[in-house]
PDB file of all heavy atoms in Angstrom:
ATOM      1  N   GLY A   1     113.917  84.365  95.967  1.00  0.00           N
ATOM      2  CA  GLY A   1     115.043  84.399  95.005  1.00  0.00           C
ATOM      3  C   GLY A   1     114.948  83.408  93.972  1.00  0.00           C
ATOM      4  O   GLY A   1     115.936  83.189  93.162  1.00  0.00           O
ATOM      5  N   VAL A   2     113.887  82.615  93.964  1.00  0.00           N
ATOM      6  CA  VAL A   2     113.824  81.453  92.960  1.00  0.00           C
ATOM      7  C   VAL A   2     113.805  81.867  91.551  1.00  0.00           C
ATOM      8  O   VAL A   2     114.166  81.149  90.696  1.00  0.00           O
ATOM      9  CB  VAL A   2     112.414  80.732  93.339  1.00  0.00           C
ATOM     10  CG1 VAL A   2     111.310  81.333  92.969  1.00  0.00           C
ATOM     11  CG2 VAL A   2     112.560  79.216  92.684  1.00  0.00           C
ATOM     12  N   ILE A   3     113.344  83.140  91.161  1.00  0.00           N
ATOM     13  CA  ILE A   3     113.463  83.613  89.866  1.00  0.00           C
ATOM     14  C   ILE A   3     114.838  84.383  89.807  1.00  0.00           C
ATOM     15  O   ILE A   3     115.011  85.505  90.069  1.00  0.00           O
ATOM     16  CB  ILE A   3     112.331  84.669  89.463  1.00  0.00           C
ATOM     17  CG1 ILE A   3     110.951  84.110  89.777  1.00  0.00           C
ATOM     18  CG2 ILE A   3     112.422  85.105  87.997  1.00  0.00           C
ATOM     19  CD1 ILE A   3     110.637  82.889  89.067  1.00  0.00           C
ATOM     20  N   SER A   4     115.836  83.453  89.587  1.00  0.00           N
ATOM     21  CA  SER A   4     117.286  83.845  89.619  1.00  0.00           C
ATOM     22  C   SER A   4     117.681  84.631  88.367  1.00  0.00           C
ATOM     23  O   SER A   4     116.990  84.550  87.417  1.00  0.00           O
ATOM     24  CB  SER A   4     118.032  82.564  89.926  1.00  0.00           C
ATOM     25  OG  SER A   4     117.851  81.680  88.792  1.00  0.00           O
ATOM     26  N   ARG A   5     118.988  84.863  88.471  1.00  0.00           N
ATOM     27  CA  ARG A   5     119.553  85.456  87.222  1.00  0.00           C
ATOM     28  C   ARG A   5     119.493  84.478  86.046  1.00  0.00           C
ATOM     29  O   ARG A   5     119.252  84.768  84.963  1.00  0.00           O
ATOM     30  CB  ARG A   5     121.012  85.823  87.406  1.00  0.00           C
ATOM     31  CG  ARG A   5     121.714  86.398  86.177  1.00  0.00           C
ATOM     32  CD  ARG A   5     123.158  86.750  86.586  1.00  0.00           C
ATOM     33  NE  ARG A   5     123.148  87.931  87.310  1.00  0.00           N
ATOM     34  CZ  ARG A   5     123.176  89.214  86.860  1.00  0.00           C
ATOM     35  NH1 ARG A   5     123.037  89.401  85.527  1.00  0.00           N
ATOM     36  NH2 ARG A   5     123.233  90.083  87.776  1.00  0.00           N
ATOM     37  N   GLU A   6     119.770  83.217  86.387  1.00  0.00           N
ATOM     38  CA  GLU A   6     119.696  82.084  85.313  1.00  0.00           C
ATOM     39  C   GLU A   6     118.217  82.043  84.744  1.00  0.00           C
ATOM     40  O   GLU A   6     118.117  81.902  83.477  1.00  0.00           O
ATOM     41  CB  GLU A   6     120.011  80.697  85.946  1.00  0.00           C
ATOM     42  CG  GLU A   6     120.056  79.568  84.934  1.00  0.00           C
ATOM     43  CD  GLU A   6     120.374  78.240  85.542  1.00  0.00           C
ATOM     44  OE1 GLU A   6     120.241  78.180  86.793  1.00  0.00           O
ATOM     45  OE2 GLU A   6     120.709  77.321  84.854  1.00  0.00           O
ATOM     46  N   VAL A   7     117.247  82.119  85.548  1.00  0.00           N
ATOM     47  CA  VAL A   7     115.898  82.196  84.900  1.00  0.00           C
ATOM     48  C   VAL A   7     115.636  83.271  84.171  1.00  0.00           C
ATOM     49  O   VAL A   7     115.080  83.267  83.053  1.00  0.00           O
ATOM     50  CB  VAL A   7     114.884  81.934  86.114  1.00  0.00           C
ATOM     51  CG1 VAL A   7     113.497  82.096  85.604  1.00  0.00           C
ATOM     52  CG2 VAL A   7     115.001  80.724  86.949  1.00  0.00           C
ATOM     53  N   LEU A   8     116.025  84.453  84.623  1.00  0.00           N
ATOM     54  CA  LEU A   8     115.691  85.733  83.904  1.00  0.00           C
ATOM     55  C   LEU A   8     116.456  85.805  82.615  1.00  0.00           C
ATOM     56  O   LEU A   8     116.031  86.170  81.596  1.00  0.00           O
ATOM     57  CB  LEU A   8     116.167  86.950  84.697  1.00  0.00           C
ATOM     58  CG  LEU A   8     115.317  87.275  85.973  1.00  0.00           C
ATOM     59  CD1 LEU A   8     115.846  88.235  86.820  1.00  0.00           C
ATOM     60  CD2 LEU A   8     113.826  87.471  85.653  1.00  0.00           C
ATOM     61  N   GLU A   9     117.763  85.245  82.589  1.00  0.00           N
ATOM     62  CA  GLU A   9     118.508  85.285  81.298  1.00  0.00           C
ATOM     63  C   GLU A   9     118.007  84.172  80.407  1.00  0.00           C
ATOM     64  O   GLU A   9     118.389  84.301  79.184  1.00  0.00           O
ATOM     65  CB  GLU A   9     119.961  85.114  81.721  1.00  0.00           C
ATOM     66  CG  GLU A   9     120.541  86.312  82.345  1.00  0.00           C
ATOM     67  CD  GLU A   9     122.067  86.114  82.666  1.00  0.00           C
ATOM     68  OE1 GLU A   9     122.615  84.958  82.633  1.00  0.00           O
ATOM     69  OE2 GLU A   9     122.744  87.158  82.886  1.00  0.00           O
ATOM     70  N   ALA A  10     117.310  83.292  80.804  1.00  0.00           N
ATOM     71  CA  ALA A  10     116.624  82.209  79.897  1.00  0.00           C
ATOM     72  C   ALA A  10     115.577  82.818  79.054  1.00  0.00           C
ATOM     73  O   ALA A  10     115.212  82.240  78.110  1.00  0.00           O
ATOM     74  CB  ALA A  10     116.275  81.054  80.685  1.00  0.00           C
ATOM     75  N   LEU A  11     114.905  83.858  79.546  1.00  0.00           N
ATOM     76  CA  LEU A  11     113.926  84.558  78.772  1.00  0.00           C
ATOM     77  C   LEU A  11     114.540  85.112  77.543  1.00  0.00           C
ATOM     78  O   LEU A  11     115.655  85.751  77.612  1.00  0.00           O
ATOM     79  CB  LEU A  11     113.129  85.639  79.556  1.00  0.00           C
ATOM     80  CG  LEU A  11     112.396  85.100  80.706  1.00  0.00           C
ATOM     81  CD1 LEU A  11     111.993  86.297  81.681  1.00  0.00           C
ATOM     82  CD2 LEU A  11     110.995  84.667  80.113  1.00  0.00           C
ATOM     83  N   ARG A  12     113.790  85.106  76.412  1.00  0.00           N
ATOM     84  CA  ARG A  12     114.283  85.663  75.201  1.00  0.00           C
ATOM     85  C   ARG A  12     114.519  87.209  75.202  1.00  0.00           C
ATOM     86  O   ARG A  12     113.765  87.841  75.988  1.00  0.00           O
ATOM     87  CB  ARG A  12     113.431  85.212  73.976  1.00  0.00           C
ATOM     88  CG  ARG A  12     112.075  85.843  73.935  1.00  0.00           C
ATOM     89  CD  ARG A  12     111.438  85.788  72.647  1.00  0.00           C
ATOM     90  NE  ARG A  12     110.099  86.386  72.527  1.00  0.00           N
ATOM     91  CZ  ARG A  12     109.863  87.642  72.389  1.00  0.00           C
ATOM     92  NH1 ARG A  12     111.012  88.411  72.257  1.00  0.00           N
ATOM     93  NH2 ARG A  12     108.665  88.190  72.416  1.00  0.00           N
ATOM     94  N   PRO A  13     115.462  87.768  74.546  1.00  0.00           N
ATOM     95  CA  PRO A  13     115.436  89.225  74.507  1.00  0.00           C
ATOM     96  C   PRO A  13     114.128  89.936  74.124  1.00  0.00           C
ATOM     97  O   PRO A  13     113.497  89.545  73.280  1.00  0.00           O
ATOM     98  CB  PRO A  13     116.560  89.538  73.382  1.00  0.00           C
ATOM     99  CG  PRO A  13     117.377  88.294  73.437  1.00  0.00           C
ATOM    100  CD  PRO A  13     116.342  87.197  73.720  1.00  0.00           C
ATOM    101  N   GLY A  14     113.744  90.851  74.962  1.00  0.00           N
ATOM    102  CA  GLY A  14     112.500  91.501  74.667  1.00  0.00           C
ATOM    103  C   GLY A  14     111.313  90.900  75.353  1.00  0.00           C
ATOM    104  O   GLY A  14     110.169  91.342  75.106  1.00  0.00           O
ATOM    105  N   ALA A  15     111.469  89.802  76.043  1.00  0.00           N
ATOM    106  CA  ALA A  15     110.456  89.087  76.755  1.00  0.00           C
ATOM    107  C   ALA A  15     109.760  90.015  77.706  1.00  0.00           C
ATOM    108  O   ALA A  15     110.397  90.826  78.305  1.00  0.00           O
ATOM    109  CB  ALA A  15     110.896  87.733  77.309  1.00  0.00           C
ATOM    110  N   LEU A  16     108.492  89.636  78.181  1.00  0.00           N
ATOM    111  CA  LEU A  16     107.826  90.319  79.157  1.00  0.00           C
ATOM    112  C   LEU A  16     107.802  89.494  80.422  1.00  0.00           C
ATOM    113  O   LEU A  16     107.570  88.412  80.509  1.00  0.00           O
ATOM    114  CB  LEU A  16     106.381  90.545  78.704  1.00  0.00           C
ATOM    115  CG  LEU A  16     106.215  91.031  77.286  1.00  0.00           C
ATOM    116  CD1 LEU A  16     104.693  91.172  77.009  1.00  0.00           C
ATOM    117  CD2 LEU A  16     106.851  92.304  76.994  1.00  0.00           C
ATOM    118  N   LEU A  17     108.063  90.192  81.547  1.00  0.00           N
ATOM    119  CA  LEU A  17     107.968  89.633  82.906  1.00  0.00           C
ATOM    120  C   LEU A  17     106.886  90.311  83.660  1.00  0.00           C
ATOM    121  O   LEU A  17     106.933  91.582  83.874  1.00  0.00           O
ATOM    122  CB  LEU A  17     109.302  89.701  83.596  1.00  0.00           C
ATOM    123  CG  LEU A  17     109.265  89.126  85.061  1.00  0.00           C
ATOM    124  CD1 LEU A  17     109.194  87.710  85.136  1.00  0.00           C
ATOM    125  CD2 LEU A  17     110.560  89.603  85.820  1.00  0.00           C
ATOM    126  N   VAL A  18     105.953  89.571  84.312  1.00  0.00           N
ATOM    127  CA  VAL A  18     104.784  90.149  85.049  1.00  0.00           C
ATOM    128  C   VAL A  18     104.854  89.593  86.429  1.00  0.00           C
ATOM    129  O   VAL A  18     104.881  88.410  86.588  1.00  0.00           O
ATOM    130  CB  VAL A  18     103.392  89.907  84.286  1.00  0.00           C
ATOM    131  CG1 VAL A  18     102.292  90.336  85.234  1.00  0.00           C
ATOM    132  CG2 VAL A  18     103.233  90.556  83.089  1.00  0.00           C
ATOM    133  N   ASN A  19     104.982  90.419  87.391  1.00  0.00           N
ATOM    134  CA  ASN A  19     104.964  90.038  88.895  1.00  0.00           C
ATOM    135  C   ASN A  19     103.914  90.732  89.644  1.00  0.00           C
ATOM    136  O   ASN A  19     104.048  91.814  89.932  1.00  0.00           O
ATOM    137  CB  ASN A  19     106.379  90.337  89.474  1.00  0.00           C
ATOM    138  CG  ASN A  19     106.635  89.719  90.856  1.00  0.00           C
ATOM    139  OD1 ASN A  19     105.692  88.960  91.257  1.00  0.00           O
ATOM    140  ND2 ASN A  19     107.758  90.021  91.485  1.00  0.00           N
ATOM    141  N   THR A  20     102.992  89.835  90.015  1.00  0.00           N
ATOM    142  CA  THR A  20     101.753  90.331  90.792  1.00  0.00           C
ATOM    143  C   THR A  20     101.836  89.533  92.136  1.00  0.00           C
ATOM    144  O   THR A  20     100.835  89.489  92.903  1.00  0.00           O
ATOM    145  CB  THR A  20     100.476  90.206  90.196  1.00  0.00           C
ATOM    146  OG1 THR A  20     100.327  88.843  89.653  1.00  0.00           O
ATOM    147  CG2 THR A  20     100.323  91.148  89.114  1.00  0.00           C
ATOM    148  N   ALA A  21     103.003  88.932  92.433  1.00  0.00           N
ATOM    149  CA  ALA A  21     103.126  88.044  93.600  1.00  0.00           C
ATOM    150  C   ALA A  21     103.994  88.703  94.642  1.00  0.00           C
ATOM    151  O   ALA A  21     103.381  89.505  95.493  1.00  0.00           O
ATOM    152  CB  ALA A  21     103.725  86.631  93.208  1.00  0.00           C
ATOM    153  N   ARG A  22     105.213  88.478  94.767  1.00  0.00           N
ATOM    154  CA  ARG A  22     106.206  89.213  95.758  1.00  0.00           C
ATOM    155  C   ARG A  22     107.403  89.545  95.083  1.00  0.00           C
ATOM    156  O   ARG A  22     107.966  88.774  94.323  1.00  0.00           O
ATOM    157  CB  ARG A  22     106.479  88.211  96.892  1.00  0.00           C
ATOM    158  CG  ARG A  22     105.254  88.014  97.848  1.00  0.00           C
ATOM    159  CD  ARG A  22     104.806  89.129  98.665  1.00  0.00           C
ATOM    160  NE  ARG A  22     103.794  88.794  99.569  1.00  0.00           N
ATOM    161  CZ  ARG A  22     102.499  88.834  99.316  1.00  0.00           C
ATOM    162  NH1 ARG A  22     101.998  89.299  98.150  1.00  0.00           N
ATOM    163  NH2 ARG A  22     101.568  88.552 100.237  1.00  0.00           N
ATOM    164  N   ALA A  23     107.951  90.657  95.363  1.00  0.00           N
ATOM    165  CA  ALA A  23     109.275  91.171  94.869  1.00  0.00           C
ATOM    166  C   ALA A  23     110.410  90.246  95.216  1.00  0.00           C
ATOM    167  O   ALA A  23     111.323  89.999  94.378  1.00  0.00           O
ATOM    168  CB  ALA A  23     109.537  92.566  95.318  1.00  0.00           C
ATOM    169  N   GLU A  24     110.338  89.710  96.438  1.00  0.00           N
ATOM    170  CA  GLU A  24     111.354  88.781  96.988  1.00  0.00           C
ATOM    171  C   GLU A  24     111.542  87.591  96.246  1.00  0.00           C
ATOM    172  O   GLU A  24     112.627  86.759  96.466  1.00  0.00           O
ATOM    173  CB  GLU A  24     111.079  88.569  98.483  1.00  0.00           C
ATOM    174  CG  GLU A  24     111.183  89.719  99.319  1.00  0.00           C
ATOM    175  CD  GLU A  24     109.908  90.501  99.368  1.00  0.00           C
ATOM    176  OE1 GLU A  24     108.849  90.152  98.693  1.00  0.00           O
ATOM    177  OE2 GLU A  24     109.689  91.326 100.319  1.00  0.00           O
ATOM    178  N   LEU A  25     110.600  87.142  95.368  1.00  0.00           N
ATOM    179  CA  LEU A  25     110.830  85.974  94.564  1.00  0.00           C
ATOM    180  C   LEU A  25     111.837  86.166  93.534  1.00  0.00           C
ATOM    181  O   LEU A  25     112.381  85.185  93.066  1.00  0.00           O
ATOM    182  CB  LEU A  25     109.507  85.691  93.760  1.00  0.00           C
ATOM    183  CG  LEU A  25     108.260  85.316  94.543  1.00  0.00           C
ATOM    184  CD1 LEU A  25     106.996  85.217  93.651  1.00  0.00           C
ATOM    185  CD2 LEU A  25     108.472  84.089  95.356  1.00  0.00           C
ATOM    186  N   VAL A  26     112.243  87.388  93.098  1.00  0.00           N
ATOM    187  CA  VAL A  26     113.037  87.671  92.038  1.00  0.00           C
ATOM    188  C   VAL A  26     114.465  88.222  92.466  1.00  0.00           C
ATOM    189  O   VAL A  26     114.494  89.062  93.441  1.00  0.00           O
ATOM    190  CB  VAL A  26     112.460  88.719  91.107  1.00  0.00           C
ATOM    191  CG1 VAL A  26     113.239  88.988  89.868  1.00  0.00           C
ATOM    192  CG2 VAL A  26     110.951  88.194  90.682  1.00  0.00           C
ATOM    193  N   ASP A  27     115.557  87.815  91.821  1.00  0.00           N
ATOM    194  CA  ASP A  27     116.840  88.404  92.055  1.00  0.00           C
ATOM    195  C   ASP A  27     116.826  89.844  91.556  1.00  0.00           C
ATOM    196  O   ASP A  27     116.767  90.078  90.368  1.00  0.00           O
ATOM    197  CB  ASP A  27     117.864  87.615  91.255  1.00  0.00           C
ATOM    198  CG  ASP A  27     119.356  88.163  91.462  1.00  0.00           C
ATOM    199  OD1 ASP A  27     119.352  89.285  91.643  1.00  0.00           O
ATOM    200  OD2 ASP A  27     120.229  87.343  91.302  1.00  0.00           O
ATOM    201  N   GLN A  28     116.595  90.767  92.472  1.00  0.00           N
ATOM    202  CA  GLN A  28     116.452  92.166  92.147  1.00  0.00           C
ATOM    203  C   GLN A  28     117.574  92.855  91.422  1.00  0.00           C
ATOM    204  O   GLN A  28     117.401  93.730  90.554  1.00  0.00           O
ATOM    205  CB  GLN A  28     116.070  92.931  93.534  1.00  0.00           C
ATOM    206  CG  GLN A  28     114.769  92.616  94.076  1.00  0.00           C
ATOM    207  CD  GLN A  28     113.546  92.919  93.192  1.00  0.00           C
ATOM    208  OE1 GLN A  28     113.449  94.015  92.792  1.00  0.00           O
ATOM    209  NE2 GLN A  28     112.769  92.059  92.962  1.00  0.00           N
ATOM    210  N   ASP A  29     118.875  92.453  91.719  1.00  0.00           N
ATOM    211  CA  ASP A  29     120.037  93.021  91.079  1.00  0.00           C
ATOM    212  C   ASP A  29     119.951  92.554  89.531  1.00  0.00           C
ATOM    213  O   ASP A  29     120.180  93.408  88.725  1.00  0.00           O
ATOM    214  CB  ASP A  29     121.247  92.546  91.725  1.00  0.00           C
ATOM    215  CG  ASP A  29     121.472  93.176  93.063  1.00  0.00           C
ATOM    216  OD1 ASP A  29     120.842  94.295  93.318  1.00  0.00           O
ATOM    217  OD2 ASP A  29     122.250  92.592  93.956  1.00  0.00           O
ATOM    218  N   ALA A  30     119.715  91.365  89.359  1.00  0.00           N
ATOM    219  CA  ALA A  30     119.683  90.882  87.984  1.00  0.00           C
ATOM    220  C   ALA A  30     118.514  91.392  87.294  1.00  0.00           C
ATOM    221  O   ALA A  30     118.644  91.761  86.035  1.00  0.00           O
ATOM    222  CB  ALA A  30     119.595  89.274  87.952  1.00  0.00           C
ATOM    223  N   LEU A  31     117.312  91.572  87.826  1.00  0.00           N
ATOM    224  CA  LEU A  31     116.139  92.142  87.202  1.00  0.00           C
ATOM    225  C   LEU A  31     116.391  93.569  86.911  1.00  0.00           C
ATOM    226  O   LEU A  31     116.121  93.974  85.683  1.00  0.00           O
ATOM    227  CB  LEU A  31     114.919  92.129  88.223  1.00  0.00           C
ATOM    228  CG  LEU A  31     113.685  92.802  87.705  1.00  0.00           C
ATOM    229  CD1 LEU A  31     113.145  91.967  86.389  1.00  0.00           C
ATOM    230  CD2 LEU A  31     112.629  92.697  88.762  1.00  0.00           C
ATOM    231  N   LEU A  32     117.116  94.407  87.739  1.00  0.00           N
ATOM    232  CA  LEU A  32     117.373  95.815  87.482  1.00  0.00           C
ATOM    233  C   LEU A  32     118.290  95.895  86.282  1.00  0.00           C
ATOM    234  O   LEU A  32     118.225  96.705  85.400  1.00  0.00           O
ATOM    235  CB  LEU A  32     117.902  96.505  88.656  1.00  0.00           C
ATOM    236  CG  LEU A  32     118.208  97.971  88.583  1.00  0.00           C
ATOM    237  CD1 LEU A  32     116.886  98.694  88.247  1.00  0.00           C
ATOM    238  CD2 LEU A  32     118.886  98.505  89.862  1.00  0.00           C
ATOM    239  N   GLU A  33     119.397  95.052  86.284  1.00  0.00           N
ATOM    240  CA  GLU A  33     120.371  95.108  85.205  1.00  0.00           C
ATOM    241  C   GLU A  33     119.758  94.770  83.874  1.00  0.00           C
ATOM    242  O   GLU A  33     120.038  95.436  82.904  1.00  0.00           O
ATOM    243  CB  GLU A  33     121.456  94.091  85.549  1.00  0.00           C
ATOM    244  CG  GLU A  33     122.545  94.029  84.479  1.00  0.00           C
ATOM    245  CD  GLU A  33     123.604  92.864  85.012  1.00  0.00           C
ATOM    246  OE1 GLU A  33     123.849  92.776  86.019  1.00  0.00           O
ATOM    247  OE2 GLU A  33     123.980  92.198  84.034  1.00  0.00           O
TER     248      GLU A  33
END
């Protein structure tokens, strides 16, 4: 969960996120939203 909502919201609108590591690194609820 280290890629938290705060981290995701710090990306600019329209930014690209690439994850070839593990899904569990990312706050899935925030990512989906």
